[in-house]
Amino acid sequence: MAFSESDVPQFDTVFGRNLLAEAPDFVATPILVVTMDDLWPMFRDVLPDAKVYFVESMERARLEADLDVAADVRSIVGLGGGQAIDAAKYFAWRAGKPLFQFPTSLSVDAVFGHRAGVREDSLVRYVGWAVPESVYIDLDIIESAPRQLNLGGLGDVFCFITGVMDWRYATAKGKCEAKWPYDESLAAISLAKAQAALDAMDDIRALNDRGVAVMVDALRWGGASYHAAGWNPRHIEGVEHFIFYALEAGTGRKFLHGQAVCLGLVLGCMMHDQRADEMLAAVHSVGIDIRPEAMAISWDDVGRAMKTLRAFVREEKLAYGIAHDFEVTDAFLETARAKIEGAYGPWTQ
């Protein structure tokens, strides 16, 4: 079927300032705030009577073990980045409580997704169903977040580009899933959202109101269209996320989502032999450092993950794409390192 943007229901989203301070006047009490322990000191005076859950793990077994925390509350507030937002969704789904989401940065598109990204044996699984009463983009809070977190959200925007590359590749190979046949209307909207971000890079770099609005518009599309297209992720993610997953699995480390995804974006574009220099220039221009050392890993770690990527995507039954066929050689890795260090310089810290 042909999709238009108006066919895709998107979460109610409110932009404004001092929004969190209004929460006690419209969120039914008692309130459970799901957040991170390092964030709470900045906000506890705003919600002094709330019950608080600090996310320590996104392992599904741990969240299930902690489910009783939501038993005696009437509402759940997600306050934080991807982990807090996803844990809030999980608790709201399992406990059947209304949900209000207050992202503290634009680091990921999790706040606009219906499912929660949990871990099962350290691998990402998207489960559940939670539609917030509203998503509140409190500009005071967003502006106070570290730039690296906000700008990292571009990873979940530019991944539309490599997602469509993978979808077209699978279709050309005759290996696209029958349930997700290639749809040019979906692909075109995703590519237009990514292009809108590329066209607004000065505003995004400044994180002014227009830059925030452009990013939020794209992130909303990612979450909403995943569901509206029948849980079809093809037009919104692909090889770049698979590289991220392989890095996590291979190193046992957790990364800033956008940073690792942007590394995967550049490597994935190189695998497709399309737009790699453009994506590298865009990521570099806003200061997202995708050198492995900036993520506390090495080029050897990246090399191992990339050389096992083909086996990894097959074992994990990830959507067919370039990663299923591409042979990562030492020459490819040397070229990637030279390209990335050519933009950022070699690591000297």
Protein backbone atom coordinates (compact mmCIF):
# COMPACT_ATOMS: atom_id res chain seq x y z
CA MET A 1 0.00 0.00 0.00
CA ALA A 2 1.07 3.59 -0.49
CA PHE A 3 1.78 5.50 2.70
CA SER A 4 1.48 9.20 3.30
CA GLU A 5 2.67 10.82 6.49
CA SER A 6 -0.92 11.65 7.47
CA ASP A 7 -1.72 7.91 7.49
CA VAL A 8 0.69 7.33 10.38
CA PRO A 9 -0.64 8.15 13.87
CA GLN A 10 2.10 9.77 15.92
CA PHE A 11 2.39 10.23 19.67
CA ASP A 12 0.96 13.44 21.06
CA THR A 13 3.96 15.69 21.57
CA VAL A 14 4.10 18.96 23.47
CA PHE A 15 6.91 21.50 23.18
CA GLY A 16 7.42 24.10 25.88
CA ARG A 17 9.37 25.23 28.89
CA ASN A 18 9.04 24.37 32.57
CA LEU A 19 6.78 21.47 31.59
CA LEU A 20 8.00 19.01 34.21
CA ALA A 21 7.06 21.48 36.95
CA GLU A 22 3.43 21.18 35.83
CA ALA A 23 3.38 17.39 36.24
CA PRO A 24 2.11 17.35 39.86
CA ASP A 25 -0.97 19.27 38.69
CA PHE A 26 -2.09 16.81 36.00
CA VAL A 27 -0.42 13.43 36.60
CA ALA A 28 -2.48 11.28 38.95
CA THR A 29 -0.72 10.50 42.22
CA PRO A 30 0.97 8.49 43.59
CA ILE A 31 3.54 8.83 40.80
CA LEU A 32 6.38 6.45 39.98
CA VAL A 33 9.28 8.25 38.33
CA VAL A 34 11.53 5.94 36.33
CA THR A 35 14.90 7.61 35.90
CA MET A 36 18.65 7.30 36.47
CA ASP A 37 20.37 7.98 39.77
CA ASP A 38 22.71 10.58 38.28
CA LEU A 39 19.77 12.57 36.86
CA TRP A 40 17.48 12.58 39.86
CA PRO A 41 19.31 15.24 41.93
CA MET A 42 18.48 17.76 39.18
CA PHE A 43 14.74 17.03 39.33
CA ARG A 44 13.80 15.71 42.75
CA ASP A 45 12.70 19.12 44.00
CA VAL A 46 10.17 19.29 41.17
CA LEU A 47 8.56 15.97 42.10
CA PRO A 48 9.37 15.68 45.82
CA ASP A 49 6.54 13.28 46.65
CA ALA A 50 7.11 10.82 43.84
CA LYS A 51 8.24 7.25 44.29
CA VAL A 52 11.48 6.75 42.35
CA TYR A 53 12.94 3.78 40.49
CA PHE A 54 16.54 4.02 39.32
CA VAL A 55 17.28 1.93 36.24
CA GLU A 56 20.34 -0.22 36.78
CA SER A 57 19.78 -2.87 34.11
CA MET A 58 17.62 -3.33 31.05
CA GLU A 59 17.75 -7.09 31.33
CA ARG A 60 14.15 -8.25 31.09
CA ALA A 61 14.57 -10.63 34.01
CA ARG A 62 15.68 -7.73 36.22
CA LEU A 63 12.73 -5.56 35.17
CA GLU A 64 10.35 -8.42 35.88
CA ALA A 65 11.91 -8.92 39.30
CA ASP A 66 11.36 -5.22 40.04
CA LEU A 67 7.81 -5.04 38.70
CA ASP A 68 6.29 -4.66 42.16
CA VAL A 69 7.62 -1.09 42.23
CA ALA A 70 4.66 -0.11 40.06
CA ALA A 71 2.02 -1.94 42.07
CA ASP A 72 0.92 0.89 44.36
CA VAL A 73 1.09 3.90 42.02
CA ARG A 74 -1.49 5.45 39.69
CA SER A 75 0.82 6.91 37.05
CA ILE A 76 4.30 6.39 35.65
CA VAL A 77 6.63 9.16 34.52
CA GLY A 78 9.62 8.31 32.36
CA LEU A 79 12.38 10.85 32.94
CA GLY A 80 15.71 10.37 31.22
CA GLY A 81 17.30 8.94 28.11
CA GLY A 82 16.65 5.69 26.31
CA GLN A 83 16.99 3.32 29.26
CA ALA A 84 14.70 5.28 31.59
CA ILE A 85 12.16 5.85 28.81
CA ASP A 86 12.15 2.16 27.85
CA ALA A 87 11.96 0.93 31.44
CA ALA A 88 9.02 3.28 32.05
CA LYS A 89 7.30 1.81 28.99
CA TYR A 90 7.93 -1.70 30.23
CA PHE A 91 6.49 -1.01 33.68
CA ALA A 92 3.49 0.86 32.22
CA TRP A 93 2.77 -2.08 29.92
CA ARG A 94 3.14 -4.77 32.55
CA ALA A 95 1.34 -2.85 35.31
CA GLY A 96 -1.35 -1.29 33.12
CA LYS A 97 -0.68 2.26 34.33
CA PRO A 98 -0.91 5.56 32.37
CA LEU A 99 2.43 6.81 31.14
CA PHE A 100 3.86 10.31 30.74
CA GLN A 101 7.24 10.65 29.05
CA PHE A 102 9.77 13.44 29.69
CA PRO A 103 12.93 12.76 27.67
CA THR A 104 15.96 14.58 29.05
CA SER A 105 17.78 14.51 25.71
CA LEU A 106 17.24 13.65 22.05
CA SER A 107 19.75 10.81 22.21
CA VAL A 108 17.49 8.08 20.74
CA ASP A 109 14.02 7.61 19.28
CA ALA A 110 12.89 5.39 22.17
CA VAL A 111 10.39 7.92 23.48
CA PHE A 112 8.41 7.61 20.24
CA GLY A 113 8.36 3.82 20.14
CA HIS A 114 5.51 1.62 21.35
CA ARG A 115 7.79 -1.23 22.42
CA ALA A 116 10.50 -1.27 25.07
CA GLY A 117 14.05 -2.15 24.12
CA VAL A 118 15.05 -4.70 26.75
CA ARG A 119 17.94 -7.14 26.87
CA GLU A 120 17.64 -10.90 26.95
CA ASP A 121 21.06 -12.44 27.63
CA SER A 122 22.54 -9.06 26.65
CA LEU A 123 20.85 -9.01 23.21
CA VAL A 124 18.28 -6.35 22.35
CA ARG A 125 14.63 -7.38 22.10
CA TYR A 126 11.70 -5.00 21.50
CA VAL A 127 8.66 -6.03 23.49
CA GLY A 128 5.46 -4.63 24.96
CA TRP A 129 2.99 -1.90 24.11
CA ALA A 130 2.85 1.50 25.76
CA VAL A 131 1.38 4.68 24.29
CA PRO A 132 2.07 7.68 26.54
CA GLU A 133 -0.63 10.16 27.32
CA SER A 134 1.85 12.62 25.85
CA VAL A 135 5.55 13.14 25.22
CA TYR A 136 6.78 16.40 26.73
CA ILE A 137 9.73 18.08 25.03
CA ASP A 138 10.76 20.41 27.84
CA LEU A 139 13.17 22.72 26.08
CA ASP A 140 14.76 23.80 29.36
CA ILE A 141 15.62 20.18 30.10
CA ILE A 142 16.77 19.39 26.55
CA GLU A 143 19.04 22.43 26.50
CA SER A 144 20.63 21.40 29.81
CA ALA A 145 21.64 17.95 28.49
CA PRO A 146 25.20 17.32 27.27
CA ARG A 147 25.49 18.21 23.59
CA GLN A 148 26.87 14.76 22.81
CA LEU A 149 23.65 13.14 23.99
CA ASN A 150 21.33 15.45 22.06
CA LEU A 151 23.33 15.33 18.86
CA GLY A 152 23.69 11.57 19.15
CA GLY A 153 20.02 11.38 18.23
CA LEU A 154 21.11 11.93 14.64
CA GLY A 155 22.12 8.28 14.62
CA ASP A 156 18.45 7.33 14.84
CA VAL A 157 17.68 9.74 11.99
CA PHE A 158 20.48 9.04 9.53
CA CYS A 159 19.91 5.31 10.00
CA PHE A 160 16.87 5.79 7.76
CA ILE A 161 19.37 6.12 4.92
CA THR A 162 21.19 2.84 5.52
CA GLY A 163 17.90 1.16 6.41
CA VAL A 164 16.53 1.97 2.96
CA MET A 165 19.83 0.89 1.37
CA ASP A 166 19.49 -2.51 3.04
CA TRP A 167 15.81 -2.79 2.07
CA ARG A 168 16.60 -2.10 -1.58
CA TYR A 169 19.55 -4.49 -1.46
CA ALA A 170 17.43 -7.32 -0.04
CA THR A 171 14.73 -6.67 -2.65
CA ALA A 172 17.24 -6.71 -5.50
CA LYS A 173 18.61 -10.02 -4.19
CA GLY A 174 15.10 -11.51 -3.96
CA LYS A 175 15.58 -12.06 -0.22
CA CYS A 176 13.28 -9.44 1.28
CA GLU A 177 10.68 -10.78 3.70
CA ALA A 178 7.30 -11.43 2.08
CA LYS A 179 5.62 -9.58 4.94
CA TRP A 180 7.72 -6.45 4.30
CA PRO A 181 7.85 -5.98 0.52
CA TYR A 182 9.67 -2.88 -0.62
CA ASP A 183 7.43 0.19 -0.44
CA GLU A 184 8.75 3.28 -2.16
CA SER A 185 6.28 5.53 -0.32
CA LEU A 186 7.67 4.51 3.08
CA ALA A 187 11.25 4.72 1.86
CA ALA A 188 10.67 8.15 0.35
CA ILE A 189 9.30 9.62 3.59
CA SER A 190 12.19 8.21 5.61
CA LEU A 191 14.75 9.59 3.18
CA ALA A 192 13.00 12.96 3.21
CA LYS A 193 13.18 13.07 7.02
CA ALA A 194 16.90 12.30 6.93
CA GLN A 195 17.41 14.92 4.23
CA ALA A 196 15.52 17.50 6.28
CA ALA A 197 18.04 16.92 9.06
CA LEU A 198 20.94 17.25 6.64
CA ASP A 199 19.46 20.51 5.37
CA ALA A 200 19.10 21.83 8.93
CA MET A 201 22.55 20.93 10.21
CA ASP A 202 23.35 24.50 11.26
CA ASP A 203 20.22 24.62 13.43
CA ILE A 204 20.82 21.13 14.78
CA ARG A 205 24.43 21.99 15.59
CA ALA A 206 23.14 25.06 17.48
CA LEU A 207 20.37 22.98 19.09
CA ASN A 208 18.04 25.92 18.65
CA ASP A 209 14.27 25.51 18.61
CA ARG A 210 14.17 24.74 14.88
CA GLY A 211 16.97 22.21 15.17
CA VAL A 212 15.21 20.44 18.03
CA ALA A 213 11.92 20.46 16.10
CA VAL A 214 13.53 18.91 12.99
CA MET A 215 15.12 16.14 15.05
CA VAL A 216 11.92 15.44 16.97
CA ASP A 217 9.93 15.28 13.72
CA ALA A 218 12.27 12.63 12.33
CA LEU A 219 12.43 10.64 15.57
CA ARG A 220 8.62 10.64 15.80
CA TRP A 221 8.43 9.24 12.28
CA GLY A 222 10.81 6.43 13.17
CA GLY A 223 8.78 5.20 16.12
CA ALA A 224 5.33 5.82 14.71
CA SER A 225 5.93 4.35 11.27
CA TYR A 226 7.50 1.18 12.68
CA HIS A 227 4.12 0.35 14.18
CA ALA A 228 1.94 1.84 11.42
CA ALA A 229 3.75 -0.19 8.77
CA GLY A 230 3.00 -3.43 10.62
CA TRP A 231 6.11 -3.56 12.80
CA ASN A 232 8.20 -3.11 9.69
CA PRO A 233 11.67 -1.73 10.57
CA ARG A 234 13.02 -1.86 7.02
CA HIS A 235 12.67 1.83 6.20
CA ILE A 236 14.12 3.05 9.50
CA GLU A 237 17.09 0.86 10.39
CA GLY A 238 19.49 -1.67 8.99
CA VAL A 239 23.16 -2.54 8.93
CA GLU A 240 24.19 0.42 11.13
CA HIS A 241 22.20 -0.97 14.08
CA PHE A 242 23.43 -4.51 13.40
CA ILE A 243 27.00 -3.26 13.71
CA PHE A 244 26.06 -1.61 17.00
CA TYR A 245 24.53 -4.87 18.27
CA ALA A 246 27.59 -6.85 17.19
CA LEU A 247 29.88 -4.40 18.99
CA GLU A 248 27.86 -4.74 22.18
CA ALA A 249 27.81 -8.52 21.95
CA GLY A 250 31.49 -8.78 21.10
CA THR A 251 32.85 -6.38 23.70
CA GLY A 252 30.29 -6.84 26.48
CA ARG A 253 30.17 -3.05 26.76
CA LYS A 254 27.30 -0.57 26.64
CA PHE A 255 27.73 2.46 24.41
CA LEU A 256 26.17 5.85 23.94
CA HIS A 257 23.60 4.72 21.41
CA GLY A 258 24.03 7.50 18.89
CA GLN A 259 27.81 7.35 18.94
CA ALA A 260 27.97 3.63 18.15
CA VAL A 261 25.14 3.83 15.61
CA CYS A 262 26.90 6.68 13.80
CA LEU A 263 30.04 4.56 13.55
CA GLY A 264 27.85 1.79 12.13
CA LEU A 265 26.30 4.32 9.76
CA VAL A 266 29.63 5.21 8.19
CA LEU A 267 30.81 1.60 8.03
CA GLY A 268 27.46 0.50 6.61
CA CYS A 269 27.56 3.18 3.91
CA MET A 270 31.05 1.98 3.02
CA MET A 271 29.75 -1.58 2.71
CA HIS A 272 27.04 -0.32 0.34
CA ASP A 273 29.57 1.94 -1.40
CA GLN A 274 27.11 4.83 -1.10
CA ARG A 275 27.17 8.18 0.72
CA ALA A 276 29.92 7.27 3.20
CA ASP A 277 31.83 10.53 2.82
CA GLU A 278 28.62 12.54 3.11
CA MET A 279 27.54 10.78 6.30
CA LEU A 280 31.01 11.01 7.82
CA ALA A 281 31.11 14.74 7.09
CA ALA A 282 27.67 15.26 8.66
CA VAL A 283 28.48 13.31 11.81
CA HIS A 284 31.86 15.00 12.16
CA SER A 285 30.37 18.45 11.61
CA VAL A 286 28.27 18.24 14.76
CA GLY A 287 31.06 16.77 16.87
CA ILE A 288 29.91 13.19 17.31
CA ASP A 289 33.21 11.37 17.77
CA ILE A 290 32.95 7.90 16.21
CA ARG A 291 36.55 6.87 16.72
CA PRO A 292 36.58 3.61 18.67
CA GLU A 293 38.86 5.10 21.33
CA ALA A 294 36.17 7.72 22.07
CA MET A 295 33.94 4.78 23.01
CA ALA A 296 36.65 3.18 25.19
CA ILE A 297 37.27 0.37 22.70
CA SER A 298 39.95 -0.22 20.08
CA TRP A 299 40.11 -0.64 16.34
CA ASP A 300 40.88 -4.28 17.06
CA ASP A 301 37.50 -4.56 18.82
CA VAL A 302 35.81 -2.99 15.82
CA GLY A 303 37.68 -5.30 13.49
CA ARG A 304 36.59 -8.42 15.38
CA ALA A 305 32.97 -7.30 15.42
CA MET A 306 33.02 -6.47 11.72
CA LYS A 307 34.73 -9.70 10.69
CA THR A 308 32.13 -11.73 12.59
CA LEU A 309 29.22 -9.53 11.49
CA ARG A 310 28.13 -11.86 8.70
CA ALA A 311 27.87 -14.79 11.10
CA PHE A 312 26.27 -12.61 13.79
CA VAL A 313 23.37 -11.37 11.65
CA ARG A 314 22.66 -14.89 10.47
CA GLU A 315 22.77 -16.37 13.97
CA GLU A 316 20.52 -13.63 15.34
CA LYS A 317 18.16 -13.91 12.35
CA LEU A 318 18.36 -10.20 11.66
CA ALA A 319 16.74 -8.74 8.56
CA TYR A 320 18.60 -9.67 5.38
CA GLY A 321 20.88 -6.99 4.07
CA ILE A 322 24.39 -6.15 3.01
CA ALA A 323 25.85 -7.59 6.23
CA HIS A 324 24.71 -11.10 5.22
CA ASP A 325 26.95 -11.10 2.15
CA PHE A 326 29.72 -8.55 2.59
CA GLU A 327 33.16 -9.92 3.41
CA VAL A 328 34.96 -7.56 5.75
CA THR A 329 38.66 -7.68 4.91
CA ASP A 330 41.71 -6.14 6.49
CA ALA A 331 41.83 -3.77 3.54
CA PHE A 332 38.25 -2.62 4.21
CA LEU A 333 39.07 -1.98 7.88
CA GLU A 334 42.27 -0.12 7.00
CA THR A 335 40.32 2.08 4.59
CA ALA A 336 37.66 2.73 7.22
CA ARG A 337 40.23 3.70 9.80
CA ALA A 338 42.03 5.99 7.36
CA LYS A 339 38.75 7.63 6.35
CA ILE A 340 37.60 8.23 9.93
CA GLU A 341 40.98 9.36 11.22
CA GLY A 342 41.27 11.55 8.15
CA ALA A 343 38.22 13.43 9.41
CA TYR A 344 38.95 13.42 13.15
CA GLY A 345 42.68 12.87 13.32
CA PRO A 346 44.32 9.89 15.07
CA TRP A 347 43.53 9.36 18.72
CA THR A 348 46.19 10.96 20.90
CA GLN A 349 44.67 11.05 24.40
